[in-house]
Structure formats: structure tokens, C-alpha cells
Amino acid sequence: MKYMLLVCGDDTADGSGMAPVEPWVEELGDRNVRLHGHRLVQPAEAVTVRVRGGEVLRTDGPFAETKEYVAGFDILECDTLEEAVEAAAKHPVATIGAMEVRRFWDDEDAEAEIRALDAELTEAVRERDVDRALACYAPGAEVFHLADGHERQGLDAHRKALQDLFASVTGPVTREVRDVRVQVDESIGFAHSLVRLTGTRADGTPLDETLRVTTGYRDFGLRRLITHEHAVSLKEA
């Protein structure tokens, strides 16, 4: 389970004797407990935004005047709340401030979202639907393909390659994804796989090509989209 660790500072506390944070970061990182995190600027540099009656009200500074403030955050991967609390207690700021530990909302499955997007791409290829296939990619996605001795870069080149592929075959194109390995967090993900494309060309010869594909995904709020794709034909590897 993932936990958000809010690092709460206290501007009245004397932090001169506090231990450095780096050993804590390194130790939890080596154990794959701390996934990532970052410091935040001081509350004086914050901007508070409210909307009232359709009017945007902007205030410089934090939303509440208090001696305690969120100084940073860390995302932990722990089996239990007790393990997360133990990790929080070892953070140096816990000696002069406070650590708030909160479990992530657990109704989201990031890996399932990626696999669903890949299934959508497979169906679009089967139907030979270029627009449906490209809808799986973010605008400006970095796409690099090396196949049949041709190197193609960018979404426009990818569109042209799909159009040429679909025009060269009769009937559906089967996209078989094998040996899939997915690594994902709340905002980004990567997948490594072998993708085999099969079908029948217009001249009756078989289409049968296998690509080694690395794909990068980003969470755009309502869905994940492909932002990076690197594919190399095994014939070229």
C-alpha cells in the first residue's frame, strides 16, 4: 500500500541540531520503501486561490496563518500502517516538527489502466483504425520506430506508418503482446514487451513482424496516455 508522508515543519522550532535528511532518504530508497518526494518552498511564497461567486480570489501566502506548515512530502510503499509510522518516526523532522501519515485512496489500479489502454490499442490495430490507435497517444508524444530498415520519428511519421501498414493488408491485423513487464506509480508508468503483428498482405503474402517495444505512460487526470514509445523490429536488433 502507498502512503503520503506530509513533513510538517514548525517555524518556532530550532532545527540547528537536527540530523540530516539524506541518510533517511537513502536508507528507505535502498529498501524500496520511499518511492519519491520533494521539499516545498516556504509558506510565504505560497499562493492561495478561492473562487466565490464565479470570481477568482488570489491571496499571497498560505491558506491559514499558523506556525506549523507542510515543508515537503514523501510517498512510501509499505505493507502496513505500522511500517509507515515507523518510517515516519525515523525522519529527522519528526524531532522538531510532525509527520502526517495518510494512506492513498485505494480505488485506482494504475497497472490495470495501462493494460486497458494497451487492449484498446490492440483493438484499434485489429480494426485498422488509425485515428482510434493514435487516440492512445498524448499530443506531442515521442515515438521512435525502426522496422523494415526504416527509421520513423514523431506522431506524424507514426500516423503515416500505420496508414501504410493498414493499406497493405486485407482483413484484420492481429497484435499479440507477450512478455509484458509493467512498472507504474501515480503519475507515470513504463512497459516493456514483445509485440507481434500478423495479417495477410494484399498480394497474399503473410505479414509477420515482432517488435521489442518500450512504452512510457503519463496520467493526464481522466486517463493515461502514451507519451513515449520506442520500438525496434527483432530483424533490426
Protein backbone atom coordinates (compact mmCIF):
# COMPACT_ATOMS: atom_id res chain seq x y z
CA MET A 1 0.00 0.00 0.00
CA LYS A 2 1.08 3.57 -0.67
CA TYR A 3 1.19 6.25 2.00
CA MET A 4 1.66 10.00 1.73
CA LEU A 5 4.01 11.34 4.37
CA LEU A 6 3.44 15.06 4.93
CA VAL A 7 6.52 16.61 6.50
CA CYS A 8 5.23 19.33 8.84
CA GLY A 9 7.71 21.94 9.98
CA ASP A 10 7.42 24.41 12.83
CA ASP A 11 8.83 27.89 12.30
CA THR A 12 9.28 28.35 16.06
CA ALA A 13 11.45 25.23 16.42
CA ASP A 14 15.24 25.31 16.45
CA GLY A 15 16.41 22.98 13.70
CA SER A 16 20.13 23.64 14.12
CA GLY A 17 20.70 20.30 15.85
CA MET A 18 18.50 18.24 13.54
CA ALA A 19 20.14 15.30 11.80
CA PRO A 20 20.48 15.50 8.00
CA VAL A 21 17.63 14.04 5.94
CA GLU A 22 19.82 12.44 3.24
CA PRO A 23 20.65 9.22 5.18
CA TRP A 24 16.93 8.66 5.81
CA VAL A 25 16.18 9.12 2.11
CA GLU A 26 18.99 6.79 1.06
CA GLU A 27 18.13 4.08 3.57
CA LEU A 28 14.43 3.93 2.63
CA GLY A 29 15.27 4.25 -1.05
CA ASP A 30 17.62 1.28 -0.88
CA ARG A 31 14.80 -0.77 0.69
CA ASN A 32 12.31 0.41 -1.99
CA VAL A 33 10.12 1.89 0.75
CA ARG A 34 10.45 5.54 -0.33
CA LEU A 35 9.27 5.92 -3.92
CA HIS A 36 9.79 9.66 -4.30
CA GLY A 37 9.26 13.00 -2.64
CA HIS A 38 10.40 16.60 -2.55
CA ARG A 39 10.80 19.69 -0.41
CA LEU A 40 8.42 22.64 -0.77
CA VAL A 41 9.24 26.36 -0.66
CA GLN A 42 8.36 28.35 2.43
CA PRO A 43 4.67 29.20 3.10
CA ALA A 44 5.42 32.88 2.49
CA GLU A 45 5.84 32.02 -1.20
CA ALA A 46 2.54 30.17 -1.41
CA VAL A 47 -0.49 31.46 -3.30
CA THR A 48 -3.98 30.64 -2.02
CA VAL A 49 -6.77 30.51 -4.60
CA ARG A 50 -10.50 30.63 -3.88
CA VAL A 51 -13.48 31.06 -6.21
CA ARG A 52 -16.52 32.88 -4.83
CA GLY A 53 -19.49 33.81 -6.99
CA GLY A 54 -17.50 33.00 -10.11
CA GLU A 55 -14.72 35.39 -9.13
CA VAL A 56 -11.18 34.10 -8.63
CA LEU A 57 -9.74 35.38 -5.37
CA ARG A 58 -5.97 35.13 -5.08
CA THR A 59 -4.12 35.68 -1.82
CA ASP A 60 -0.34 35.63 -1.42
CA GLY A 61 0.66 33.34 1.41
CA PRO A 62 -0.73 30.15 2.96
CA PHE A 63 -4.44 29.48 3.41
CA ALA A 64 -4.04 29.53 7.21
CA GLU A 65 -1.72 31.56 9.40
CA THR A 66 -0.07 29.02 11.67
CA LYS A 67 3.37 28.26 13.00
CA GLU A 68 3.15 24.73 11.54
CA TYR A 69 3.31 24.18 7.80
CA VAL A 70 3.88 21.43 5.22
CA ALA A 71 7.58 21.59 4.35
CA GLY A 72 7.63 18.65 1.95
CA PHE A 73 6.27 15.22 1.18
CA ASP A 74 7.36 11.65 0.64
CA ILE A 75 5.48 8.73 -0.91
CA LEU A 76 6.10 5.41 0.80
CA GLU A 77 5.29 1.84 -0.22
CA CYS A 78 4.61 -0.15 2.96
CA ASP A 79 2.80 -3.36 3.81
CA THR A 80 1.08 -1.87 6.86
CA LEU A 81 0.29 1.43 8.52
CA GLU A 82 2.62 0.44 11.35
CA GLU A 83 5.53 0.15 8.92
CA ALA A 84 4.74 3.60 7.50
CA VAL A 85 4.55 5.08 11.01
CA GLU A 86 7.90 3.50 11.86
CA ALA A 87 9.46 5.07 8.77
CA ALA A 88 7.91 8.44 9.61
CA ALA A 89 9.29 8.31 13.15
CA LYS A 90 12.82 7.96 11.76
CA HIS A 91 12.54 11.15 9.69
CA PRO A 92 14.74 13.87 11.23
CA VAL A 93 11.98 16.49 11.04
CA ALA A 94 9.90 14.34 13.41
CA THR A 95 12.24 15.51 16.20
CA ILE A 96 11.28 19.18 15.78
CA GLY A 97 8.01 19.09 13.83
CA ALA A 98 5.43 16.44 12.97
CA MET A 99 4.82 13.81 10.31
CA GLU A 100 1.31 13.19 9.00
CA VAL A 101 0.85 9.70 7.51
CA ARG A 102 -2.12 9.13 5.20
CA ARG A 103 -2.94 6.10 3.07
CA PHE A 104 -3.63 6.64 -0.62
CA TRP A 105 -7.22 6.32 -1.80
CA ASP A 106 -7.32 2.72 -2.98
CA ASP A 107 -9.98 2.58 -5.71
CA GLU A 108 -7.47 3.16 -8.52
CA ASP A 109 -5.40 0.50 -10.26
CA ALA A 110 -2.73 2.22 -12.34
CA GLU A 111 -1.40 -1.01 -13.88
CA ALA A 112 -4.91 -2.05 -14.90
CA GLU A 113 -5.36 1.34 -16.61
CA ILE A 114 -2.19 0.78 -18.63
CA ARG A 115 -3.24 -2.72 -19.64
CA ALA A 116 -6.69 -1.42 -20.63
CA LEU A 117 -5.08 1.25 -22.84
CA ASP A 118 -2.90 -1.41 -24.46
CA ALA A 119 -6.01 -3.53 -25.11
CA GLU A 120 -7.62 -0.51 -26.77
CA LEU A 121 -4.57 -0.10 -29.00
CA THR A 122 -4.73 -3.80 -29.91
CA GLU A 123 -8.40 -3.48 -30.90
CA ALA A 124 -7.70 -0.32 -32.95
CA VAL A 125 -4.93 -2.14 -34.86
CA ARG A 126 -7.21 -5.14 -35.45
CA GLU A 127 -9.84 -2.83 -36.91
CA ARG A 128 -7.16 -0.94 -38.89
CA ASP A 129 -8.44 2.32 -37.35
CA VAL A 130 -5.65 4.90 -37.46
CA ASP A 131 -7.47 7.62 -35.51
CA ARG A 132 -8.52 5.21 -32.78
CA ALA A 133 -4.95 3.97 -32.47
CA LEU A 134 -3.48 7.47 -32.28
CA ALA A 135 -6.04 8.44 -29.63
CA CYS A 136 -3.98 6.24 -27.29
CA TYR A 137 -1.08 8.70 -27.62
CA ALA A 138 -0.67 12.09 -25.99
CA PRO A 139 -0.22 15.12 -28.26
CA GLY A 140 3.47 15.55 -28.87
CA ALA A 141 4.32 12.00 -27.82
CA GLU A 142 7.87 10.95 -28.62
CA VAL A 143 7.60 7.95 -30.93
CA PHE A 144 10.56 6.13 -32.49
CA HIS A 145 10.17 3.00 -34.64
CA LEU A 146 12.83 1.05 -36.50
CA ALA A 147 11.33 -1.59 -38.78
CA ASP A 148 11.94 -2.91 -42.31
CA GLY A 149 15.14 -0.88 -42.42
CA HIS A 150 13.20 2.38 -41.99
CA GLU A 151 13.55 4.75 -39.07
CA ARG A 152 10.46 6.80 -38.17
CA GLN A 153 10.23 9.51 -35.52
CA GLY A 154 7.27 11.54 -34.27
CA LEU A 155 3.50 11.13 -34.30
CA ASP A 156 3.12 12.31 -37.89
CA ALA A 157 5.55 9.66 -39.10
CA HIS A 158 3.78 7.10 -36.91
CA ARG A 159 0.43 8.02 -38.47
CA LYS A 160 1.90 7.60 -41.95
CA ALA A 161 3.42 4.23 -40.98
CA LEU A 162 0.06 2.98 -39.65
CA GLN A 163 -1.74 4.19 -42.76
CA ASP A 164 0.78 2.38 -44.98
CA LEU A 165 0.55 -0.78 -42.87
CA PHE A 166 -3.25 -0.91 -42.88
CA ALA A 167 -3.40 -0.16 -46.62
CA SER A 168 -1.01 -3.02 -47.36
CA VAL A 169 -3.13 -5.76 -45.78
CA THR A 170 -6.51 -7.34 -46.29
CA GLY A 171 -8.59 -8.17 -43.25
CA PRO A 172 -7.68 -7.54 -39.61
CA VAL A 173 -4.20 -7.13 -38.18
CA THR A 174 -3.55 -9.24 -35.09
CA ARG A 175 -1.48 -7.54 -32.40
CA GLU A 176 -0.16 -10.08 -29.88
CA VAL A 177 1.60 -8.67 -26.81
CA ARG A 178 3.94 -11.01 -24.94
CA ASP A 179 6.39 -10.90 -22.02
CA VAL A 180 4.82 -7.72 -20.63
CA ARG A 181 6.57 -6.06 -17.68
CA VAL A 182 4.88 -3.00 -16.19
CA GLN A 183 6.31 -0.51 -13.70
CA VAL A 184 3.94 2.23 -12.63
CA ASP A 185 3.22 4.82 -9.97
CA GLU A 186 0.59 7.52 -9.56
CA SER A 187 1.69 9.70 -12.48
CA ILE A 188 3.95 7.78 -14.85
CA GLY A 189 4.50 4.20 -15.96
CA PHE A 190 6.67 2.11 -18.24
CA ALA A 191 6.03 -1.17 -20.01
CA HIS A 192 8.46 -3.47 -21.80
CA SER A 193 7.10 -6.13 -24.15
CA LEU A 194 7.35 -8.04 -27.39
CA VAL A 195 4.64 -7.14 -29.90
CA ARG A 196 3.91 -9.47 -32.80
CA LEU A 197 1.90 -8.16 -35.76
CA THR A 198 0.36 -10.71 -38.13
CA GLY A 199 -2.02 -10.50 -41.07
CA THR A 200 -2.27 -11.08 -44.81
CA ARG A 201 -0.84 -8.62 -47.28
CA ALA A 202 -2.76 -7.55 -50.36
CA ASP A 203 -0.51 -9.70 -52.56
CA GLY A 204 -1.31 -12.79 -50.49
CA THR A 205 2.00 -12.96 -48.62
CA PRO A 206 1.92 -13.11 -44.84
CA LEU A 207 2.64 -10.16 -42.54
CA ASP A 208 4.56 -11.42 -39.54
CA GLU A 209 6.76 -8.99 -37.63
CA THR A 210 7.86 -8.91 -33.99
CA LEU A 211 8.92 -5.68 -32.29
CA ARG A 212 10.66 -5.10 -28.99
CA VAL A 213 8.73 -2.17 -27.51
CA THR A 214 9.36 0.17 -24.57
CA THR A 215 6.40 2.39 -23.78
CA GLY A 216 6.11 5.34 -21.40
CA TYR A 217 2.76 6.49 -19.99
CA ARG A 218 1.60 9.58 -18.15
CA ASP A 219 -1.52 10.18 -16.10
CA PHE A 220 -3.49 13.08 -17.62
CA GLY A 221 -6.17 13.07 -14.95
CA LEU A 222 -9.04 11.17 -16.57
CA ARG A 223 -6.88 8.60 -18.34
CA ARG A 224 -3.31 7.54 -19.03
CA LEU A 225 -1.83 8.08 -22.47
CA ILE A 226 1.35 7.03 -24.23
CA THR A 227 3.96 9.80 -24.11
CA HIS A 228 6.96 7.78 -25.28
CA GLU A 229 7.31 4.72 -27.47
CA HIS A 230 10.49 3.08 -28.72
CA ALA A 231 10.01 0.05 -30.98
CA VAL A 232 12.66 -1.94 -32.83
CA SER A 233 11.99 -4.89 -35.12
CA LEU A 234 13.80 -8.03 -33.99
CA LYS A 235 15.07 -8.23 -37.57
CA GLU A 236 16.91 -4.94 -36.98
CA ALA A 237 18.10 -5.66 -33.43
